[in-house]
Structure formats: C-alpha cells, structure tokens
C-alpha cells in the first residue's frame, strides 16, 4: 500500500469516527432529554401530592378547631369528639401525602441515572476503540 492510500484510509477512519461520535452524542442527548422529561413529570406528581397534603392539613386544622370549639361549648363529648376524630384522620392523611410528595421531589430522584450510566459505558467504548 502506498502513502496516498494509507493517508486516505486513515482520513476515512477519522471521518467515520467523527461521524459516529456525533451520532452517539446526538443519541445520548435525546436519551438525556427523555429521561429528564420523565424525572420532571415525576417531580410534578410529587408537587401535586405536596399540594394535596397541604390542603388536607388545612382542612384538618379547620375541623380540629371546630371540634375544639364544639367540645368546649357543649362539654358533653358528643358531636365535638366526633369532629375531633375526623380531624385527626385528615391530619394523618395530610402528613402521609406530604412525606410521599417530598420524597418524590428529592434531588436523588431527579438525577438522570440511566443517561449517566450510558455515558460512562460510551466513554469506555470510545476509549477502547482509540487503543
């Protein structure tokens, strides 16, 4: 093989490598966008749970205050204690929703794990190909 053919072959290899790296980066970019969209949707659902929990706690506060007023006013333990029981149940539900929602919005839940893993594998493959 003469020098011209070798340099042309090398140029073709370098050109092919550049195209493949470009295609790889474009694919990884699409994967990152898809994964981040998924994570953002998950965070949105967590935010909705937080909002639902906050609304439940507000309702619980109103019911508990109403129960306290009724209990103090009547001192007969009838309707007031019933309202108190309902208020406690709503408060527990609100706490559960808030905890679940804040867990869904934790930073560890929002990292693009699959994309990071894929990029690491791609870097290893590229490194191996360069040897």
N, C-alpha and C. Protein backbone atom coordinates (compact mmCIF):
# COMPACT_ATOMS: atom_id res chain seq x y z
N UNK A 1 0.85 -1.17 0.00
CA UNK A 1 0.00 0.00 0.00
C UNK A 1 0.89 1.23 0.00
N UNK A 2 0.55 2.22 -0.82
CA UNK A 2 1.40 3.40 -0.85
C UNK A 2 0.92 4.43 0.16
N UNK A 3 1.69 5.49 0.31
CA UNK A 3 1.40 6.53 1.30
C UNK A 3 0.05 7.20 1.06
N UNK A 4 -0.31 7.41 -0.19
CA UNK A 4 -1.56 8.09 -0.53
C UNK A 4 -2.76 7.26 -0.07
N UNK A 5 -2.69 5.95 -0.31
CA UNK A 5 -3.79 5.08 0.09
C UNK A 5 -3.88 4.98 1.62
N UNK A 6 -2.74 4.93 2.29
CA UNK A 6 -2.74 4.86 3.76
C UNK A 6 -3.33 6.12 4.36
N UNK A 7 -2.92 7.28 3.84
CA UNK A 7 -3.44 8.53 4.39
C UNK A 7 -4.93 8.67 4.07
N UNK A 8 -5.33 8.19 2.91
CA UNK A 8 -6.75 8.23 2.56
C UNK A 8 -7.53 7.29 3.48
N UNK A 9 -7.00 6.11 3.74
CA UNK A 9 -7.64 5.17 4.65
C UNK A 9 -7.72 5.73 6.05
N UNK A 10 -6.67 6.37 6.51
CA UNK A 10 -6.66 6.98 7.83
C UNK A 10 -7.66 8.13 7.89
N UNK A 11 -7.70 8.93 6.83
CA UNK A 11 -8.65 10.05 6.78
C UNK A 11 -10.08 9.53 6.83
N UNK A 12 -10.34 8.44 6.13
CA UNK A 12 -11.68 7.85 6.15
C UNK A 12 -12.02 7.34 7.55
N UNK A 13 -11.06 6.69 8.19
CA UNK A 13 -11.29 6.20 9.55
C UNK A 13 -11.58 7.34 10.52
N UNK A 14 -10.80 8.40 10.42
CA UNK A 14 -11.01 9.55 11.31
C UNK A 14 -12.36 10.19 11.02
N UNK A 15 -12.71 10.30 9.75
CA UNK A 15 -14.00 10.87 9.37
C UNK A 15 -15.14 10.01 9.90
N UNK A 16 -15.02 8.69 9.74
CA UNK A 16 -16.05 7.78 10.25
C UNK A 16 -16.17 7.87 11.77
N UNK A 17 -15.03 7.96 12.43
CA UNK A 17 -15.04 8.09 13.89
C UNK A 17 -15.76 9.37 14.31
N UNK A 18 -15.48 10.46 13.63
CA UNK A 18 -16.12 11.74 13.96
C UNK A 18 -17.63 11.64 13.76
N UNK A 19 -18.05 11.00 12.67
CA UNK A 19 -19.49 10.84 12.41
C UNK A 19 -20.14 9.98 13.49
N UNK A 20 -19.46 8.90 13.86
CA UNK A 20 -20.01 8.00 14.87
C UNK A 20 -20.09 8.68 16.24
N UNK A 21 -19.09 9.45 16.57
CA UNK A 21 -19.11 10.18 17.85
C UNK A 21 -20.24 11.21 17.83
N UNK A 22 -20.41 11.90 16.70
CA UNK A 22 -21.50 12.88 16.58
C UNK A 22 -22.85 12.19 16.74
N UNK A 23 -23.03 11.07 16.06
CA UNK A 23 -24.29 10.32 16.17
C UNK A 23 -24.50 9.85 17.61
N UNK A 24 -23.46 9.37 18.23
CA UNK A 24 -23.54 8.92 19.62
C UNK A 24 -23.96 10.07 20.54
N UNK A 25 -23.34 11.22 20.37
CA UNK A 25 -23.68 12.37 21.22
C UNK A 25 -25.12 12.82 20.99
N UNK A 26 -25.58 12.78 19.75
CA UNK A 26 -26.96 13.15 19.46
C UNK A 26 -27.93 12.17 20.12
N UNK A 27 -27.60 10.89 20.05
CA UNK A 27 -28.44 9.87 20.67
C UNK A 27 -28.46 10.04 22.19
N UNK A 28 -27.31 10.28 22.77
CA UNK A 28 -27.23 10.50 24.22
C UNK A 28 -28.01 11.75 24.62
N UNK A 29 -27.97 12.76 23.79
CA UNK A 29 -28.72 13.98 24.07
C UNK A 29 -30.22 13.70 24.07
N UNK A 30 -30.68 12.91 23.12
CA UNK A 30 -32.11 12.54 23.09
C UNK A 30 -32.48 11.72 24.32
N UNK A 31 -31.59 10.80 24.71
CA UNK A 31 -31.83 10.00 25.90
C UNK A 31 -31.91 10.88 27.15
N UNK A 32 -31.00 11.84 27.25
CA UNK A 32 -31.00 12.75 28.39
C UNK A 32 -32.29 13.56 28.44
N UNK A 33 -32.72 14.08 27.29
CA UNK A 33 -33.98 14.85 27.26
C UNK A 33 -35.16 13.98 27.68
N UNK A 34 -35.22 12.75 27.17
CA UNK A 34 -36.33 11.86 27.52
C UNK A 34 -36.32 11.54 29.01
N UNK A 35 -35.15 11.26 29.55
CA UNK A 35 -35.07 10.91 30.97
C UNK A 35 -35.40 12.12 31.85
N UNK A 36 -34.92 13.29 31.47
CA UNK A 36 -35.23 14.48 32.27
C UNK A 36 -36.72 14.81 32.21
N UNK A 37 -37.35 14.59 31.05
CA UNK A 37 -38.79 14.80 30.96
C UNK A 37 -39.52 13.86 31.92
N UNK A 38 -39.07 12.61 31.96
CA UNK A 38 -39.66 11.63 32.87
C UNK A 38 -39.47 12.07 34.32
N UNK A 39 -38.28 12.53 34.66
CA UNK A 39 -37.99 12.95 36.04
C UNK A 39 -38.80 14.19 36.42
N UNK A 40 -38.94 15.12 35.48
CA UNK A 40 -39.71 16.34 35.74
C UNK A 40 -41.18 15.99 35.96
N UNK A 41 -41.70 15.05 35.17
CA UNK A 41 -43.09 14.62 35.36
C UNK A 41 -43.27 13.98 36.73
N UNK A 42 -42.27 13.21 37.15
CA UNK A 42 -42.32 12.58 38.48
C UNK A 42 -42.31 13.65 39.57
N UNK A 43 -41.48 14.66 39.39
CA UNK A 43 -41.42 15.75 40.37
C UNK A 43 -42.75 16.51 40.39
N UNK A 44 -43.37 16.66 39.23
CA UNK A 44 -44.67 17.32 39.16
C UNK A 44 -45.72 16.55 39.94
N UNK A 45 -45.68 15.22 39.82
CA UNK A 45 -46.61 14.40 40.58
C UNK A 45 -46.34 14.55 42.08
N UNK A 46 -45.06 14.63 42.45
CA UNK A 46 -44.71 14.85 43.86
C UNK A 46 -45.22 16.19 44.36
N UNK A 47 -45.11 17.21 43.51
CA UNK A 47 -45.61 18.53 43.89
C UNK A 47 -47.13 18.50 44.08
N UNK A 48 -47.81 17.73 43.24
CA UNK A 48 -49.27 17.60 43.39
C UNK A 48 -49.61 16.92 44.72
N UNK A 49 -48.83 15.92 45.11
CA UNK A 49 -49.05 15.26 46.39
C UNK A 49 -48.79 16.21 47.56
N UNK A 50 -47.75 17.03 47.44
CA UNK A 50 -47.47 18.01 48.48
C UNK A 50 -48.63 18.99 48.61
N UNK A 51 -49.13 19.45 47.48
CA UNK A 51 -50.27 20.37 47.50
C UNK A 51 -51.49 19.70 48.12
N UNK A 52 -51.75 18.45 47.72
CA UNK A 52 -52.89 17.72 48.29
C UNK A 52 -52.71 17.54 49.80
N UNK A 53 -51.49 17.25 50.22
CA UNK A 53 -51.22 17.12 51.65
C UNK A 53 -51.43 18.42 52.41
N UNK A 54 -51.00 19.52 51.81
CA UNK A 54 -51.19 20.83 52.44
C UNK A 54 -52.67 21.17 52.56
N UNK A 55 -53.43 20.86 51.53
CA UNK A 55 -54.88 21.12 51.57
C UNK A 55 -55.53 20.27 52.65
N UNK A 56 -55.12 18.99 52.75
CA UNK A 56 -55.67 18.12 53.79
C UNK A 56 -55.33 18.64 55.19
N UNK A 57 -54.10 19.11 55.37
CA UNK A 57 -53.72 19.66 56.68
C UNK A 57 -54.50 20.92 57.01
N UNK A 58 -54.77 21.74 56.01
CA UNK A 58 -55.58 22.94 56.25
C UNK A 58 -57.00 22.55 56.65
N UNK A 59 -57.55 21.57 55.92
CA UNK A 59 -58.89 21.10 56.28
C UNK A 59 -58.89 20.49 57.68
N UNK A 60 -57.82 19.75 58.01
CA UNK A 60 -57.72 19.16 59.34
C UNK A 60 -57.67 20.22 60.43
N UNK A 61 -56.94 21.27 60.17
CA UNK A 61 -56.86 22.36 61.14
C UNK A 61 -58.24 22.97 61.37
N UNK A 62 -58.98 23.17 60.29
CA UNK A 62 -60.32 23.75 60.44
C UNK A 62 -61.24 22.81 61.21
N UNK A 63 -61.17 21.52 60.90
CA UNK A 63 -62.01 20.55 61.60
C UNK A 63 -61.61 20.45 63.07
N UNK A 64 -60.29 20.43 63.32
CA UNK A 64 -59.84 20.34 64.71
C UNK A 64 -60.24 21.57 65.52
N UNK A 65 -60.13 22.72 64.90
CA UNK A 65 -60.56 23.93 65.59
C UNK A 65 -62.06 23.91 65.84
N UNK A 66 -62.81 23.46 64.84
CA UNK A 66 -64.26 23.34 65.02
C UNK A 66 -64.56 22.34 66.14
N UNK A 67 -63.83 21.23 66.18
CA UNK A 67 -64.04 20.22 67.21
C UNK A 67 -63.73 20.78 68.60
N UNK A 68 -62.67 21.56 68.69
CA UNK A 68 -62.32 22.15 69.98
C UNK A 68 -63.40 23.11 70.45
N UNK A 69 -63.88 23.92 69.54
CA UNK A 69 -64.95 24.87 69.90
C UNK A 69 -66.20 24.12 70.34
N UNK A 70 -66.58 23.13 69.57
CA UNK A 70 -67.78 22.36 69.92
C UNK A 70 -67.59 21.64 71.25
N UNK A 71 -66.39 21.05 71.43
CA UNK A 71 -66.13 20.32 72.68
C UNK A 71 -66.19 21.24 73.88
N UNK A 72 -65.58 22.40 73.74
CA UNK A 72 -65.60 23.33 74.86
C UNK A 72 -66.99 23.89 75.10
N UNK A 73 -67.72 24.12 74.03
CA UNK A 73 -69.06 24.71 74.17
C UNK A 73 -70.05 23.72 74.78
N UNK A 74 -70.01 22.54 74.34
CA UNK A 74 -71.03 21.60 74.80
C UNK A 74 -70.60 20.79 76.03
N UNK A 75 -69.31 20.50 76.14
CA UNK A 75 -68.76 19.71 77.26
C UNK A 75 -69.50 18.40 77.46
N UNK A 76 -70.22 18.00 76.43
CA UNK A 76 -70.95 16.73 76.54
C UNK A 76 -70.29 15.61 75.76
N UNK A 77 -69.20 15.89 75.11
CA UNK A 77 -68.41 14.92 74.36
C UNK A 77 -69.16 14.25 73.21
N UNK A 78 -70.19 14.82 72.69
CA UNK A 78 -70.93 14.21 71.59
C UNK A 78 -70.36 14.57 70.24
N UNK A 79 -70.91 15.57 69.62
CA UNK A 79 -70.53 15.97 68.26
C UNK A 79 -69.09 16.48 68.19
N UNK A 80 -68.65 17.11 69.23
CA UNK A 80 -67.29 17.66 69.23
C UNK A 80 -66.21 16.60 69.10
N UNK A 81 -66.34 15.53 69.86
CA UNK A 81 -65.33 14.47 69.79
C UNK A 81 -65.38 13.74 68.45
N UNK A 82 -66.55 13.68 67.90
CA UNK A 82 -66.65 13.09 66.56
C UNK A 82 -65.88 13.94 65.55
N UNK A 83 -66.04 15.25 65.65
CA UNK A 83 -65.29 16.15 64.77
C UNK A 83 -63.79 16.03 65.02
N UNK A 84 -63.42 15.85 66.27
CA UNK A 84 -62.00 15.70 66.61
C UNK A 84 -61.42 14.45 65.95
N UNK A 85 -62.14 13.36 66.02
CA UNK A 85 -61.67 12.12 65.41
C UNK A 85 -61.49 12.29 63.90
N UNK A 86 -62.45 12.92 63.25
CA UNK A 86 -62.34 13.16 61.81
C UNK A 86 -61.14 14.06 61.52
N UNK A 87 -60.94 15.06 62.32
CA UNK A 87 -59.80 15.97 62.13
C UNK A 87 -58.47 15.25 62.24
N UNK A 88 -58.35 14.35 63.20
CA UNK A 88 -57.10 13.60 63.36
C UNK A 88 -56.85 12.70 62.15
N UNK A 89 -57.88 12.07 61.67
CA UNK A 89 -57.73 11.20 60.50
C UNK A 89 -57.29 12.01 59.28
N UNK A 90 -57.88 13.17 59.07
CA UNK A 90 -57.49 14.02 57.93
C UNK A 90 -56.05 14.51 58.11
N UNK A 91 -55.65 14.82 59.33
CA UNK A 91 -54.27 15.27 59.57
C UNK A 91 -53.27 14.16 59.26
N UNK A 92 -53.56 12.94 59.66
CA UNK A 92 -52.67 11.81 59.37
C UNK A 92 -52.55 11.62 57.85
N UNK A 93 -53.66 11.70 57.15
CA UNK A 93 -53.64 11.59 55.69
C UNK A 93 -52.77 12.69 55.08
N UNK A 94 -52.91 13.90 55.58
CA UNK A 94 -52.10 15.01 55.07
C UNK A 94 -50.61 14.79 55.28
N UNK A 95 -50.23 14.29 56.44
CA UNK A 95 -48.82 14.02 56.73
C UNK A 95 -48.28 12.94 55.78
N UNK A 96 -49.07 11.90 55.57
CA UNK A 96 -48.64 10.84 54.64
C UNK A 96 -48.44 11.39 53.24
N UNK A 97 -49.36 12.21 52.76
CA UNK A 97 -49.23 12.80 51.42
C UNK A 97 -48.03 13.73 51.33
N UNK A 98 -47.81 14.54 52.35
CA UNK A 98 -46.65 15.44 52.33
C UNK A 98 -45.33 14.67 52.29
N UNK A 99 -45.22 13.64 53.09
CA UNK A 99 -43.98 12.85 53.10
C UNK A 99 -43.75 12.16 51.76
N UNK A 100 -44.80 11.60 51.22
CA UNK A 100 -44.68 10.92 49.93
C UNK A 100 -44.30 11.90 48.82
N UNK A 101 -44.92 13.07 48.84
CA UNK A 101 -44.62 14.07 47.82
C UNK A 101 -43.22 14.63 47.92
N UNK A 102 -42.76 14.92 49.12
CA UNK A 102 -41.41 15.45 49.27
C UNK A 102 -40.36 14.40 48.92
N UNK A 103 -40.66 13.13 49.17
CA UNK A 103 -39.73 12.06 48.78
C UNK A 103 -39.60 12.00 47.26
N UNK A 104 -40.71 12.17 46.55
CA UNK A 104 -40.68 12.15 45.08
C UNK A 104 -39.90 13.31 44.50
N UNK A 105 -39.77 14.40 45.25
CA UNK A 105 -39.07 15.58 44.75
C UNK A 105 -37.63 15.66 45.25
N UNK A 106 -37.16 14.63 45.93
CA UNK A 106 -35.78 14.63 46.44
C UNK A 106 -34.79 14.70 45.27
N UNK A 107 -33.69 15.41 45.45
CA UNK A 107 -32.70 15.52 44.35
C UNK A 107 -32.23 14.16 43.82
N UNK A 108 -32.13 13.17 44.69
CA UNK A 108 -31.69 11.85 44.23
C UNK A 108 -32.68 11.22 43.27
N UNK A 109 -33.94 11.62 43.34
CA UNK A 109 -34.96 11.11 42.43
C UNK A 109 -34.93 11.81 41.07
N UNK A 110 -34.24 12.94 40.99
CA UNK A 110 -34.26 13.75 39.77
C UNK A 110 -33.02 13.60 38.91
N UNK A 111 -32.03 12.84 39.36
CA UNK A 111 -30.82 12.69 38.56
C UNK A 111 -31.05 11.71 37.42
N UNK A 112 -30.49 12.01 36.25
CA UNK A 112 -30.67 11.12 35.09
C UNK A 112 -29.73 9.91 35.16
N UNK A 113 -30.05 8.97 36.01
CA UNK A 113 -29.17 7.83 36.28
C UNK A 113 -28.87 7.00 35.03
N UNK A 114 -29.89 6.70 34.26
CA UNK A 114 -29.67 5.85 33.09
C UNK A 114 -28.75 6.54 32.09
N UNK A 115 -28.93 7.84 31.90
CA UNK A 115 -28.07 8.57 30.96
C UNK A 115 -26.63 8.60 31.46
N UNK A 116 -26.44 8.82 32.75
CA UNK A 116 -25.09 8.81 33.31
C UNK A 116 -24.41 7.47 33.09
N UNK A 117 -25.15 6.39 33.35
CA UNK A 117 -24.59 5.06 33.15
C UNK A 117 -24.23 4.83 31.68
N UNK A 118 -25.12 5.25 30.79
CA UNK A 118 -24.87 5.07 29.36
C UNK A 118 -23.67 5.88 28.90
N UNK A 119 -23.54 7.11 29.40
CA UNK A 119 -22.39 7.93 29.02
C UNK A 119 -21.08 7.30 29.50
N UNK A 120 -21.10 6.72 30.68
CA UNK A 120 -19.90 6.05 31.19
C UNK A 120 -19.53 4.86 30.30
N UNK A 121 -20.56 4.08 29.91
CA UNK A 121 -20.28 2.95 29.01
C UNK A 121 -19.75 3.43 27.67
N UNK A 122 -20.35 4.50 27.14
CA UNK A 122 -19.90 5.04 25.86
C UNK A 122 -18.46 5.53 25.94
N UNK A 123 -18.13 6.19 27.04
CA UNK A 123 -16.76 6.68 27.21
C UNK A 123 -15.77 5.52 27.23
N UNK A 124 -16.16 4.42 27.91
CA UNK A 124 -15.29 3.25 27.93
C UNK A 124 -15.11 2.66 26.53
N UNK A 125 -16.21 2.59 25.77
CA UNK A 125 -16.14 2.03 24.42
C UNK A 125 -15.26 2.90 23.53
N UNK A 126 -15.44 4.22 23.61
CA UNK A 126 -14.62 5.13 22.80
C UNK A 126 -13.15 5.00 23.19
N UNK A 127 -12.91 4.92 24.49
CA UNK A 127 -11.53 4.78 24.97
C UNK A 127 -10.91 3.49 24.44
N UNK A 128 -11.70 2.41 24.49
CA UNK A 128 -11.20 1.12 23.98
C UNK A 128 -10.97 1.17 22.47
N UNK A 129 -11.81 1.89 21.75
CA UNK A 129 -11.67 1.99 20.29
C UNK A 129 -10.45 2.81 19.90
N UNK A 130 -10.06 3.73 20.75
CA UNK A 130 -8.93 4.60 20.45
C UNK A 130 -7.60 3.86 20.65
N UNK A 131 -7.61 2.73 21.33
CA UNK A 131 -6.38 1.98 21.61
C UNK A 131 -5.92 1.21 20.41
